[in-house]
Amino acid sequence: MEAFYGYRLPGNGTETIAFRSCSIADGIRNGFAVAPFRQDRHRTLSFTGGEKADISGLDSFARRINITAPFSGSTTREQHRMEVERIVTEVKSGNLIKAVAARQLVMESEFSLSNTFLRLCLEYPEAFIFCFGSEATGIWLGASPETLVAGQRGLLTSMALAGTRSAEASGDWDDKNLKEHNVVRDFIRDAFESAGLDAETGPTHTAQAGPVEHLRTYITARIREAEDRFDMAAVAELALRLSPTPALCGFPVESAMRIIDVCENFDRSYYGGFCGPYQNEGDFNFFVNLRSLRLTPAGCALYAGGGINEMSAPDDEWLETENKLSTLLRCLQT
């Protein structure tokens, strides 16, 4: 099976790491892990081994991957409005606290994976820029602003990134966004504590992500063992416990999943899951798969979503997805 991956960690300029002719293994292993939005429908995989590659050479390699599944078509504004209204009704009925309404935008032009990847590196220096591809996963490219969980020298770090407004906004955040953010923050903290970790919640602040800005809170915990290394099984268990977070799905997760299944006209596949490197020494960096697109020989599909609660308005939510989609649209390169 043909497979490749590449990434640029936040703050590393255009210093990229890429491999091609990788092996594919189930679960989280040394190499590059990818997990889907729904773990009961798609495989959690790791890209392992392979030959070192240059990002600029991955386009020809990607063309060798056999992708046959067609896209289901762009989400219309009416479809998105109906999903938002359905979620608002469920929240007001007490069946949900929040859910994430996502949309798919299909484009039939051919784009360069490598040129778009390098443009994203320049435009978004503090994002995790990633690409991966195989017949099992499809070909993905994105610029994620959100850490799912990372570990280094005995310290675990996660991030609640929820609540969105235009980067040109000013003043205090509204109650809708504050409530949306707090649901995600509490979920991550509870997941840490359920794993037997003493979670420490930092202050909430505003973080810019291209044309939009978010509310962001870091949650950290130090492992109790004297060593600085992490047990791979424990890492996998924690990451899969955290994903998908309410920032990408909703809360309670099972109820939000049911609404998404009913309302959305596409399979999220690996959008809303996570990906990132797991190093031999036990350091790892897993980021949420968002601000991303899926490539085929005929074009690509871009994805964006927003958290919905009882204060959400369909027109505002559509505009939020438009702003998020512009992160990638401004960087697409032929």
C-alpha atoms as a PDB file:
ATOM      1  CA  MET A   1       0.000   0.000   0.000  1.00  0.00           C
ATOM      2  CA  GLU A   2       1.357   3.418  -0.988  1.00  0.00           C
ATOM      3  CA  ALA A   3       1.473   5.826   1.956  1.00  0.00           C
ATOM      4  CA  PHE A   4       3.155   9.096   2.943  1.00  0.00           C
ATOM      5  CA  TYR A   5       3.064  11.815   5.578  1.00  0.00           C
ATOM      6  CA  GLY A   6       4.618  15.192   6.248  1.00  0.00           C
ATOM      7  CA  TYR A   7       4.357  17.856   8.923  1.00  0.00           C
ATOM      8  CA  ARG A   8       5.708  21.129  10.285  1.00  0.00           C
ATOM      9  CA  LEU A   9       5.471  21.719  14.030  1.00  0.00           C
ATOM     10  CA  PRO A  10       4.280  25.141  15.266  1.00  0.00           C
ATOM     11  CA  GLY A  11       7.041  27.733  15.396  1.00  0.00           C
ATOM     12  CA  ASN A  12       9.422  25.761  13.134  1.00  0.00           C
ATOM     13  CA  GLY A  13       9.227  28.004  10.063  1.00  0.00           C
ATOM     14  CA  THR A  14       9.532  25.863   6.941  1.00  0.00           C
ATOM     15  CA  GLU A  15      11.430  23.055   8.684  1.00  0.00           C
ATOM     16  CA  THR A  16       9.437  20.045   7.521  1.00  0.00           C
ATOM     17  CA  ILE A  17       9.609  16.321   8.168  1.00  0.00           C
ATOM     18  CA  ALA A  18       8.292  13.941   5.533  1.00  0.00           C
ATOM     19  CA  PHE A  19       8.387  10.243   4.695  1.00  0.00           C
ATOM     20  CA  ARG A  20       7.048   8.214   1.785  1.00  0.00           C
ATOM     21  CA  SER A  21       6.690   4.482   1.069  1.00  0.00           C
ATOM     22  CA  CYS A  22       5.545   4.035   4.679  1.00  0.00           C
ATOM     23  CA  SER A  23       4.039   0.952   6.230  1.00  0.00           C
ATOM     24  CA  ILE A  24       0.554   1.129   7.728  1.00  0.00           C
ATOM     25  CA  ALA A  25      -0.152  -0.384  11.161  1.00  0.00           C
ATOM     26  CA  ASP A  26      -3.296  -0.373  13.279  1.00  0.00           C
ATOM     27  CA  GLY A  27      -3.275   1.694  16.471  1.00  0.00           C
ATOM     28  CA  ILE A  28      -0.875   4.341  17.740  1.00  0.00           C
ATOM     29  CA  ARG A  29       2.779   3.437  17.226  1.00  0.00           C
ATOM     30  CA  ASN A  30       6.133   5.124  16.647  1.00  0.00           C
ATOM     31  CA  GLY A  31       5.827   7.236  13.530  1.00  0.00           C
ATOM     32  CA  PHE A  32       2.799   9.325  12.530  1.00  0.00           C
ATOM     33  CA  ALA A  33      -0.610   8.477  14.006  1.00  0.00           C
ATOM     34  CA  VAL A  34      -3.971   9.339  12.436  1.00  0.00           C
ATOM     35  CA  ALA A  35      -7.347   8.790  14.110  1.00  0.00           C
ATOM     36  CA  PRO A  36     -10.809   9.324  12.591  1.00  0.00           C
ATOM     37  CA  PHE A  37     -13.731  11.340  13.863  1.00  0.00           C
ATOM     38  CA  ARG A  38     -15.676   8.127  14.494  1.00  0.00           C
ATOM     39  CA  GLN A  39     -13.517   5.321  15.806  1.00  0.00           C
ATOM     40  CA  ASP A  40     -16.287   2.785  15.165  1.00  0.00           C
ATOM     41  CA  ARG A  41     -16.343   3.529  11.410  1.00  0.00           C
ATOM     42  CA  HIS A  42     -12.740   4.166  10.376  1.00  0.00           C
ATOM     43  CA  ARG A  43      -9.381   2.824  11.507  1.00  0.00           C
ATOM     44  CA  THR A  44      -6.886   4.483  13.833  1.00  0.00           C
ATOM     45  CA  LEU A  45      -3.593   3.966  12.029  1.00  0.00           C
ATOM     46  CA  SER A  46       0.101   4.766  12.227  1.00  0.00           C
ATOM     47  CA  PHE A  47       2.393   5.484   9.297  1.00  0.00           C
ATOM     48  CA  THR A  48       5.709   3.840  10.192  1.00  0.00           C
ATOM     49  CA  GLY A  49       9.131   3.520   8.608  1.00  0.00           C
ATOM     50  CA  GLY A  50       9.524   4.658   5.020  1.00  0.00           C
ATOM     51  CA  GLU A  51      12.027   6.767   3.136  1.00  0.00           C
ATOM     52  CA  LYS A  52      12.810  10.366   4.057  1.00  0.00           C
ATOM     53  CA  ALA A  53      11.289  12.719   1.536  1.00  0.00           C
ATOM     54  CA  ASP A  54      11.033  16.367   0.622  1.00  0.00           C
ATOM     55  CA  ILE A  55       7.603  17.983   0.812  1.00  0.00           C
ATOM     56  CA  SER A  56       8.027  19.306  -2.733  1.00  0.00           C
ATOM     57  CA  GLY A  57       8.264  15.720  -4.019  1.00  0.00           C
ATOM     58  CA  LEU A  58       5.047  14.414  -2.495  1.00  0.00           C
ATOM     59  CA  ASP A  59       2.702  15.480  -5.318  1.00  0.00           C
ATOM     60  CA  SER A  60       3.917  12.773  -7.687  1.00  0.00           C
ATOM     61  CA  PHE A  61       3.773  10.216  -4.885  1.00  0.00           C
ATOM     62  CA  ALA A  62       0.221  11.241  -3.961  1.00  0.00           C
ATOM     63  CA  ARG A  63      -0.906  10.671  -7.545  1.00  0.00           C
ATOM     64  CA  ARG A  64       0.047   7.001  -7.186  1.00  0.00           C
ATOM     65  CA  ILE A  65      -2.509   6.480  -4.413  1.00  0.00           C
ATOM     66  CA  ASN A  66      -5.714   4.964  -5.736  1.00  0.00           C
ATOM     67  CA  ILE A  67      -8.641   7.092  -4.489  1.00  0.00           C
ATOM     68  CA  THR A  68     -11.999   5.972  -5.858  1.00  0.00           C
ATOM     69  CA  ALA A  69     -14.667   7.173  -3.403  1.00  0.00           C
ATOM     70  CA  PRO A  70     -16.443  10.299  -4.742  1.00  0.00           C
ATOM     71  CA  PHE A  71     -17.418  13.269  -2.605  1.00  0.00           C
ATOM     72  CA  SER A  72     -21.092  13.622  -1.738  1.00  0.00           C
ATOM     73  CA  GLY A  73     -21.312  17.286  -2.790  1.00  0.00           C
ATOM     74  CA  SER A  74     -21.103  20.642  -1.023  1.00  0.00           C
ATOM     75  CA  THR A  75     -23.299  21.328   1.986  1.00  0.00           C
ATOM     76  CA  THR A  76     -25.887  23.906   1.001  1.00  0.00           C
ATOM     77  CA  ARG A  77     -26.738  26.885   3.165  1.00  0.00           C
ATOM     78  CA  GLU A  78     -30.221  25.448   3.657  1.00  0.00           C
ATOM     79  CA  GLN A  79     -28.831  22.087   4.814  1.00  0.00           C
ATOM     80  CA  HIS A  80     -26.572  23.865   7.277  1.00  0.00           C
ATOM     81  CA  ARG A  81     -29.430  26.060   8.535  1.00  0.00           C
ATOM     82  CA  MET A  82     -31.603  23.000   9.170  1.00  0.00           C
ATOM     83  CA  GLU A  83     -28.813  21.317  11.140  1.00  0.00           C
ATOM     84  CA  VAL A  84     -28.244  24.407  13.299  1.00  0.00           C
ATOM     85  CA  GLU A  85     -31.975  24.729  13.994  1.00  0.00           C
ATOM     86  CA  ARG A  86     -32.250  21.014  14.843  1.00  0.00           C
ATOM     87  CA  ILE A  87     -29.372  21.287  17.312  1.00  0.00           C
ATOM     88  CA  VAL A  88     -30.806  24.438  18.926  1.00  0.00           C
ATOM     89  CA  THR A  89     -34.127  22.614  19.416  1.00  0.00           C
ATOM     90  CA  GLU A  90     -32.381  19.614  21.003  1.00  0.00           C
ATOM     91  CA  VAL A  91     -30.396  21.869  23.353  1.00  0.00           C
ATOM     92  CA  LYS A  92     -33.503  23.764  24.438  1.00  0.00           C
ATOM     93  CA  SER A  93     -35.235  20.419  25.048  1.00  0.00           C
ATOM     94  CA  GLY A  94     -32.457  19.378  27.407  1.00  0.00           C
ATOM     95  CA  ASN A  95     -31.141  16.555  25.185  1.00  0.00           C
ATOM     96  CA  LEU A  96     -27.835  18.283  24.434  1.00  0.00           C
ATOM     97  CA  ILE A  97     -25.505  20.893  25.849  1.00  0.00           C
ATOM     98  CA  LYS A  98     -23.938  21.606  22.466  1.00  0.00           C
ATOM     99  CA  ALA A  99     -23.177  19.968  19.112  1.00  0.00           C
ATOM    100  CA  VAL A 100     -20.925  20.923  16.218  1.00  0.00           C
ATOM    101  CA  ALA A 101     -22.511  21.593  12.833  1.00  0.00           C
ATOM    102  CA  ALA A 102     -19.958  21.040  10.052  1.00  0.00           C
ATOM    103  CA  ARG A 103     -20.076  21.570   6.308  1.00  0.00           C
ATOM    104  CA  GLN A 104     -18.261  20.260   3.268  1.00  0.00           C
ATOM    105  CA  LEU A 105     -17.195  22.504   0.366  1.00  0.00           C
ATOM    106  CA  VAL A 106     -16.316  20.571  -2.802  1.00  0.00           C
ATOM    107  CA  MET A 107     -14.056  22.161  -5.431  1.00  0.00           C
ATOM    108  CA  GLU A 108     -13.333  20.535  -8.789  1.00  0.00           C
ATOM    109  CA  SER A 109     -10.011  22.224  -9.551  1.00  0.00           C
ATOM    110  CA  GLU A 110      -6.676  20.422  -9.255  1.00  0.00           C
ATOM    111  CA  PHE A 111      -4.370  21.697  -6.516  1.00  0.00           C
ATOM    112  CA  SER A 112      -0.759  21.052  -5.564  1.00  0.00           C
ATOM    113  CA  LEU A 113      -0.361  19.362  -2.198  1.00  0.00           C
ATOM    114  CA  SER A 114       3.248  20.450  -1.782  1.00  0.00           C
ATOM    115  CA  ASN A 115       2.827  24.059  -2.896  1.00  0.00           C
ATOM    116  CA  THR A 116      -0.256  24.505  -0.709  1.00  0.00           C
ATOM    117  CA  PHE A 117       1.560  22.884   2.237  1.00  0.00           C
ATOM    118  CA  LEU A 118       4.484  25.325   1.948  1.00  0.00           C
ATOM    119  CA  ARG A 119       2.128  28.297   1.575  1.00  0.00           C
ATOM    120  CA  LEU A 120       0.343  27.242   4.773  1.00  0.00           C
ATOM    121  CA  CYS A 121       3.721  27.107   6.558  1.00  0.00           C
ATOM    122  CA  LEU A 122       4.346  30.738   5.613  1.00  0.00           C
ATOM    123  CA  GLU A 123       0.834  32.019   6.331  1.00  0.00           C
ATOM    124  CA  TYR A 124       0.310  30.222   9.666  1.00  0.00           C
ATOM    125  CA  PRO A 125       3.626  29.974  11.566  1.00  0.00           C
ATOM    126  CA  GLU A 126       1.939  28.916  14.844  1.00  0.00           C
ATOM    127  CA  ALA A 127      -0.234  26.171  13.334  1.00  0.00           C
ATOM    128  CA  PHE A 128       0.543  22.479  12.907  1.00  0.00           C
ATOM    129  CA  ILE A 129       0.792  21.957   9.136  1.00  0.00           C
ATOM    130  CA  PHE A 130       0.206  18.369   8.097  1.00  0.00           C
ATOM    131  CA  CYS A 131      -0.453  16.044   5.201  1.00  0.00           C
ATOM    132  CA  PHE A 132      -0.891  12.298   4.964  1.00  0.00           C
ATOM    133  CA  GLY A 133      -2.180   9.876   2.409  1.00  0.00           C
ATOM    134  CA  SER A 134      -2.975   6.225   1.823  1.00  0.00           C
ATOM    135  CA  GLU A 135      -5.722   4.182   0.214  1.00  0.00           C
ATOM    136  CA  ALA A 136      -7.051   3.467   3.714  1.00  0.00           C
ATOM    137  CA  THR A 137      -7.366   7.123   4.766  1.00  0.00           C
ATOM    138  CA  GLY A 138      -7.518   9.204   1.620  1.00  0.00           C
ATOM    139  CA  ILE A 139      -5.212  12.196   1.136  1.00  0.00           C
ATOM    140  CA  TRP A 140      -5.433  14.983   3.729  1.00  0.00           C
ATOM    141  CA  LEU A 141      -3.830  18.385   4.151  1.00  0.00           C
ATOM    142  CA  GLY A 142      -4.415  20.985   6.864  1.00  0.00           C
ATOM    143  CA  ALA A 143      -3.276  23.734   9.215  1.00  0.00           C
ATOM    144  CA  SER A 144      -4.460  22.922  12.724  1.00  0.00           C
ATOM    145  CA  PRO A 145      -4.390  25.533  15.518  1.00  0.00           C
ATOM    146  CA  GLU A 146      -5.478  22.993  18.165  1.00  0.00           C
ATOM    147  CA  THR A 147      -3.416  20.578  20.253  1.00  0.00           C
ATOM    148  CA  LEU A 148      -5.339  17.476  21.300  1.00  0.00           C
ATOM    149  CA  VAL A 149      -2.609  16.258  23.658  1.00  0.00           C
ATOM    150  CA  ALA A 150       1.187  16.513  23.644  1.00  0.00           C
ATOM    151  CA  GLY A 151       3.832  15.075  25.926  1.00  0.00           C
ATOM    152  CA  GLN A 152       7.432  16.010  26.601  1.00  0.00           C
ATOM    153  CA  ARG A 153       9.740  15.473  29.578  1.00  0.00           C
ATOM    154  CA  GLY A 154       6.958  14.117  31.728  1.00  0.00           C
ATOM    155  CA  LEU A 155       4.504  16.967  31.090  1.00  0.00           C
ATOM    156  CA  LEU A 156       1.183  16.391  29.337  1.00  0.00           C
ATOM    157  CA  THR A 157      -0.510  19.354  27.672  1.00  0.00           C
ATOM    158  CA  SER A 158      -3.950  19.669  26.119  1.00  0.00           C
ATOM    159  CA  MET A 159      -5.904  22.668  24.884  1.00  0.00           C
ATOM    160  CA  ALA A 160      -9.511  23.785  25.000  1.00  0.00           C
ATOM    161  CA  LEU A 161      -9.965  25.803  21.815  1.00  0.00           C
ATOM    162  CA  ALA A 162     -13.609  26.753  21.409  1.00  0.00           C
ATOM    163  CA  GLY A 163     -15.540  29.943  20.866  1.00  0.00           C
ATOM    164  CA  THR A 164     -14.932  31.783  17.606  1.00  0.00           C
ATOM    165  CA  ARG A 165     -15.296  35.308  16.311  1.00  0.00           C
ATOM    166  CA  SER A 166     -13.746  37.469  13.604  1.00  0.00           C
ATOM    167  CA  ALA A 167     -10.160  38.521  14.257  1.00  0.00           C
ATOM    168  CA  GLU A 168     -11.382  42.098  13.727  1.00  0.00           C
ATOM    169  CA  ALA A 169     -13.775  41.891  16.706  1.00  0.00           C
ATOM    170  CA  SER A 170     -13.135  43.849  19.874  1.00  0.00           C
ATOM    171  CA  GLY A 171     -14.484  43.971  23.405  1.00  0.00           C
ATOM    172  CA  ASP A 172     -15.616  41.159  25.670  1.00  0.00           C
ATOM    173  CA  TRP A 173     -16.637  37.725  24.416  1.00  0.00           C
ATOM    174  CA  ASP A 174     -20.384  37.020  24.393  1.00  0.00           C
ATOM    175  CA  ASP A 175     -22.117  34.449  26.590  1.00  0.00           C
ATOM    176  CA  LYS A 176     -22.673  32.030  23.685  1.00  0.00           C
ATOM    177  CA  ASN A 177     -18.946  31.641  23.029  1.00  0.00           C
ATOM    178  CA  LEU A 178     -17.988  31.582  26.715  1.00  0.00           C
ATOM    179  CA  LYS A 179     -20.441  28.754  27.387  1.00  0.00           C
ATOM    180  CA  GLU A 180     -19.236  26.822  24.335  1.00  0.00           C
ATOM    181  CA  HIS A 181     -15.630  27.153  25.493  1.00  0.00           C
ATOM    182  CA  ASN A 182     -16.307  26.102  29.082  1.00  0.00           C
ATOM    183  CA  VAL A 183     -17.930  22.837  27.967  1.00  0.00           C
ATOM    184  CA  VAL A 184     -14.733  21.853  26.123  1.00  0.00           C
ATOM    185  CA  ARG A 185     -12.442  22.960  28.948  1.00  0.00           C
ATOM    186  CA  ASP A 186     -14.350  20.936  31.544  1.00  0.00           C
ATOM    187  CA  PHE A 187     -14.483  17.852  29.302  1.00  0.00           C
ATOM    188  CA  ILE A 188     -10.684  17.806  28.855  1.00  0.00           C
ATOM    189  CA  ARG A 189     -10.044  18.374  32.550  1.00  0.00           C
ATOM    190  CA  ASP A 190     -12.420  15.545  33.456  1.00  0.00           C
ATOM    191  CA  ALA A 191     -10.747  13.205  30.917  1.00  0.00           C
ATOM    192  CA  PHE A 192      -7.352  13.892  32.505  1.00  0.00           C
ATOM    193  CA  GLU A 193      -8.706  13.197  35.969  1.00  0.00           C
ATOM    194  CA  SER A 194     -10.470  10.000  34.802  1.00  0.00           C
ATOM    195  CA  ALA A 195      -7.058   8.823  33.602  1.00  0.00           C
ATOM    196  CA  GLY A 196      -5.684   9.313  37.114  1.00  0.00           C
ATOM    197  CA  LEU A 197      -3.905  12.583  36.340  1.00  0.00           C
ATOM    198  CA  ASP A 198      -3.881  15.732  38.467  1.00  0.00           C
ATOM    199  CA  ALA A 199      -5.046  18.313  35.944  1.00  0.00           C
ATOM    200  CA  GLU A 200      -4.101  21.973  36.211  1.00  0.00           C
ATOM    201  CA  THR A 201      -6.263  24.462  34.304  1.00  0.00           C
ATOM    202  CA  GLY A 202      -4.603  27.648  33.119  1.00  0.00           C
ATOM    203  CA  PRO A 203      -6.199  31.038  32.433  1.00  0.00           C
ATOM    204  CA  THR A 204      -8.428  31.559  29.409  1.00  0.00           C
ATOM    205  CA  HIS A 205      -7.177  33.976  26.762  1.00  0.00           C
ATOM    206  CA  THR A 206      -7.809  34.991  23.151  1.00  0.00           C
ATOM    207  CA  ALA A 207      -5.753  33.296  20.435  1.00  0.00           C
ATOM    208  CA  GLN A 208      -5.717  34.410  16.803  1.00  0.00           C
ATOM    209  CA  ALA A 209      -5.914  31.794  14.043  1.00  0.00           C
ATOM    210  CA  GLY A 210      -5.713  33.591  10.706  1.00  0.00           C
ATOM    211  CA  PRO A 211      -8.990  35.408   9.919  1.00  0.00           C
ATOM    212  CA  VAL A 212     -10.650  34.293  13.183  1.00  0.00           C
ATOM    213  CA  GLU A 213      -9.797  34.195  16.871  1.00  0.00           C
ATOM    214  CA  HIS A 214     -10.716  31.675  19.553  1.00  0.00           C
ATOM    215  CA  LEU A 215     -10.907  31.329  23.297  1.00  0.00           C
ATOM    216  CA  ARG A 216      -8.049  29.096  24.461  1.00  0.00           C
ATOM    217  CA  THR A 217      -7.266  27.424  27.794  1.00  0.00           C
ATOM    218  CA  TYR A 218      -4.346  25.067  28.432  1.00  0.00           C
ATOM    219  CA  ILE A 219      -4.820  22.015  30.647  1.00  0.00           C
ATOM    220  CA  THR A 220      -1.649  20.310  31.902  1.00  0.00           C
ATOM    221  CA  ALA A 221      -0.655  17.354  34.077  1.00  0.00           C
ATOM    222  CA  ARG A 222       2.654  15.795  35.072  1.00  0.00           C
ATOM    223  CA  ILE A 223       3.038  12.041  35.088  1.00  0.00           C
ATOM    224  CA  ARG A 224       3.726  10.623  38.524  1.00  0.00           C
ATOM    225  CA  GLU A 225       6.534   8.276  37.471  1.00  0.00           C
ATOM    226  CA  ALA A 226      10.110   9.446  37.913  1.00  0.00           C
ATOM    227  CA  GLU A 227      10.906   8.835  34.244  1.00  0.00           C
ATOM    228  CA  ASP A 228      10.221  11.391  31.549  1.00  0.00           C
ATOM    229  CA  ARG A 229       9.046   8.721  29.104  1.00  0.00           C
ATOM    230  CA  PHE A 230       5.436   7.870  28.335  1.00  0.00           C
ATOM    231  CA  ASP A 231       3.893   4.447  28.044  1.00  0.00           C
ATOM    232  CA  MET A 232       2.553   4.089  24.504  1.00  0.00           C
ATOM    233  CA  ALA A 233      -0.597   2.234  25.580  1.00  0.00           C
ATOM    234  CA  ALA A 234      -1.431   4.933  28.141  1.00  0.00           C
ATOM    235  CA  VAL A 235      -0.841   7.660  25.540  1.00  0.00           C
ATOM    236  CA  ALA A 236      -3.155   5.929  23.072  1.00  0.00           C
ATOM    237  CA  GLU A 237      -5.849   5.453  25.708  1.00  0.00           C
ATOM    238  CA  LEU A 238      -5.756   9.127  26.742  1.00  0.00           C
ATOM    239  CA  ALA A 239      -5.749  10.445  23.156  1.00  0.00           C
ATOM    240  CA  LEU A 240      -8.682   8.250  22.149  1.00  0.00           C
ATOM    241  CA  ARG A 241     -10.517   9.212  25.357  1.00  0.00           C
ATOM    242  CA  LEU A 242     -10.153  12.897  24.413  1.00  0.00           C
ATOM    243  CA  SER A 243     -11.144  12.520  20.742  1.00  0.00           C
ATOM    244  CA  PRO A 244     -13.426  13.811  19.484  1.00  0.00           C
ATOM    245  CA  THR A 245     -13.597  16.682  21.958  1.00  0.00           C
ATOM    246  CA  PRO A 246     -16.813  18.705  22.339  1.00  0.00           C
ATOM    247  CA  ALA A 247     -15.064  21.361  20.201  1.00  0.00           C
ATOM    248  CA  LEU A 248     -15.371  19.016  17.196  1.00  0.00           C
ATOM    249  CA  CYS A 249     -18.396  16.924  18.138  1.00  0.00           C
ATOM    250  CA  GLY A 250     -20.457  18.255  21.031  1.00  0.00           C
ATOM    251  CA  PHE A 251     -21.546  17.159  24.480  1.00  0.00           C
ATOM    252  CA  PRO A 252     -22.678  14.639  25.538  1.00  0.00           C
ATOM    253  CA  VAL A 253     -20.648  13.028  22.761  1.00  0.00           C
ATOM    254  CA  GLU A 254     -23.071  10.173  22.020  1.00  0.00           C
ATOM    255  CA  SER A 255     -26.061  12.500  21.692  1.00  0.00           C
ATOM    256  CA  ALA A 256     -24.123  14.904  19.488  1.00  0.00           C
ATOM    257  CA  MET A 257     -22.992  12.028  17.249  1.00  0.00           C
ATOM    258  CA  ARG A 258     -26.611  11.018  16.668  1.00  0.00           C
ATOM    259  CA  ILE A 259     -27.577  14.533  15.527  1.00  0.00           C
ATOM    260  CA  ILE A 260     -24.541  14.721  13.230  1.00  0.00           C
ATOM    261  CA  ASP A 261     -25.440  11.370  11.644  1.00  0.00           C
ATOM    262  CA  VAL A 262     -28.980  12.545  10.933  1.00  0.00           C
ATOM    263  CA  CYS A 263     -28.184  16.033   9.651  1.00  0.00           C
ATOM    264  CA  GLU A 264     -24.914  16.029   7.734  1.00  0.00           C
ATOM    265  CA  ASN A 265     -24.719  15.022   4.071  1.00  0.00           C
ATOM    266  CA  PHE A 266     -21.149  13.669   4.252  1.00  0.00           C
ATOM    267  CA  ASP A 267     -18.917  11.308   6.217  1.00  0.00           C
ATOM    268  CA  ARG A 268     -16.403  13.300   8.283  1.00  0.00           C
ATOM    269  CA  SER A 269     -13.897  10.457   7.966  1.00  0.00           C
ATOM    270  CA  TYR A 270     -10.629  11.801   9.450  1.00  0.00           C
ATOM    271  CA  TYR A 271     -11.858  15.399   9.755  1.00  0.00           C
ATOM    272  CA  GLY A 272     -12.430  16.053  13.451  1.00  0.00           C
ATOM    273  CA  GLY A 273     -10.116  13.220  14.510  1.00  0.00           C
ATOM    274  CA  PHE A 274      -6.424  13.841  15.208  1.00  0.00           C
ATOM    275  CA  CYS A 275      -2.971  13.251  13.777  1.00  0.00           C
ATOM    276  CA  GLY A 276       0.657  13.819  14.649  1.00  0.00           C
ATOM    277  CA  PRO A 277       4.068  12.312  15.393  1.00  0.00           C
ATOM    278  CA  TYR A 278       4.884   9.861  18.165  1.00  0.00           C
ATOM    279  CA  GLN A 279       8.657   9.764  18.636  1.00  0.00           C
ATOM    280  CA  ASN A 280      10.806   6.857  19.764  1.00  0.00           C
ATOM    281  CA  GLU A 281      11.862   8.645  22.938  1.00  0.00           C
ATOM    282  CA  GLY A 282       8.247   8.945  24.035  1.00  0.00           C
ATOM    283  CA  ASP A 283       7.628  12.550  23.028  1.00  0.00           C
ATOM    284  CA  PHE A 284       4.469  13.065  21.008  1.00  0.00           C
ATOM    285  CA  ASN A 285       2.393  15.846  19.476  1.00  0.00           C
ATOM    286  CA  PHE A 286      -1.192  15.068  18.493  1.00  0.00           C
ATOM    287  CA  PHE A 287      -3.272  17.815  16.894  1.00  0.00           C
ATOM    288  CA  VAL A 288      -6.956  17.911  15.993  1.00  0.00           C
ATOM    289  CA  ASN A 289      -7.595  17.428  12.284  1.00  0.00           C
ATOM    290  CA  LEU A 290      -9.339  20.696  11.443  1.00  0.00           C
ATOM    291  CA  ARG A 291      -8.851  23.576   8.993  1.00  0.00           C
ATOM    292  CA  SER A 292      -8.297  20.685   6.620  1.00  0.00           C
ATOM    293  CA  LEU A 293      -9.158  19.344   3.186  1.00  0.00           C
ATOM    294  CA  ARG A 294      -9.276  15.985   1.456  1.00  0.00           C
ATOM    295  CA  LEU A 295      -7.738  15.633  -2.010  1.00  0.00           C
ATOM    296  CA  THR A 296      -8.692  13.477  -4.997  1.00  0.00           C
ATOM    297  CA  PRO A 297      -7.393  13.565  -8.586  1.00  0.00           C
ATOM    298  CA  ALA A 298     -10.541  15.512  -9.513  1.00  0.00           C
ATOM    299  CA  GLY A 299     -10.349  18.204  -6.822  1.00  0.00           C
ATOM    300  CA  CYS A 300     -10.784  18.531  -3.092  1.00  0.00           C
ATOM    301  CA  ALA A 301     -13.287  18.881  -0.272  1.00  0.00           C
ATOM    302  CA  LEU A 302     -12.751  21.463   2.485  1.00  0.00           C
ATOM    303  CA  TYR A 303     -14.269  21.178   5.956  1.00  0.00           C
ATOM    304  CA  ALA A 304     -15.314  23.636   8.654  1.00  0.00           C
ATOM    305  CA  GLY A 305     -17.694  23.582  11.588  1.00  0.00           C
ATOM    306  CA  GLY A 306     -18.906  25.525  14.583  1.00  0.00           C
ATOM    307  CA  GLY A 307     -20.271  24.799  18.034  1.00  0.00           C
ATOM    308  CA  ILE A 308     -24.029  25.219  18.409  1.00  0.00           C
ATOM    309  CA  ASN A 309     -25.948  25.891  21.610  1.00  0.00           C
ATOM    310  CA  GLU A 310     -29.282  27.515  22.462  1.00  0.00           C
ATOM    311  CA  MET A 311     -27.955  31.000  21.636  1.00  0.00           C
ATOM    312  CA  SER A 312     -26.770  30.129  18.108  1.00  0.00           C
ATOM    313  CA  ALA A 313     -28.205  31.837  15.009  1.00  0.00           C
ATOM    314  CA  PRO A 314     -27.946  30.048  11.614  1.00  0.00           C
ATOM    315  CA  ASP A 315     -26.708  33.092   9.667  1.00  0.00           C
ATOM    316  CA  ASP A 316     -23.973  33.773  12.221  1.00  0.00           C
ATOM    317  CA  GLU A 317     -22.902  30.129  12.180  1.00  0.00           C
ATOM    318  CA  TRP A 318     -22.692  30.074   8.381  1.00  0.00           C
ATOM    319  CA  LEU A 319     -20.504  33.185   8.439  1.00  0.00           C
ATOM    320  CA  GLU A 320     -18.245  31.540  11.023  1.00  0.00           C
ATOM    321  CA  THR A 321     -17.682  28.558   8.712  1.00  0.00           C
ATOM    322  CA  GLU A 322     -16.999  30.917   5.812  1.00  0.00           C
ATOM    323  CA  ASN A 323     -14.280  32.623   7.856  1.00  0.00           C
ATOM    324  CA  LYS A 324     -12.766  29.278   8.851  1.00  0.00           C
ATOM    325  CA  LEU A 325     -12.780  28.003   5.260  1.00  0.00           C
ATOM    326  CA  SER A 326     -10.869  31.094   4.168  1.00  0.00           C
ATOM    327  CA  THR A 327      -7.872  29.770   6.145  1.00  0.00           C
ATOM    328  CA  LEU A 328      -7.349  27.188   3.406  1.00  0.00           C
ATOM    329  CA  LEU A 329      -8.970  28.923   0.442  1.00  0.00           C
ATOM    330  CA  ARG A 330      -6.454  31.774   0.559  1.00  0.00           C
ATOM    331  CA  CYS A 331      -3.580  29.257   0.395  1.00  0.00           C
ATOM    332  CA  LEU A 332      -4.697  26.795  -2.293  1.00  0.00           C
ATOM    333  CA  GLN A 333      -1.961  26.569  -4.928  1.00  0.00           C
ATOM    334  CA  THR A 334      -2.050  24.993  -8.375  1.00  0.00           C
END
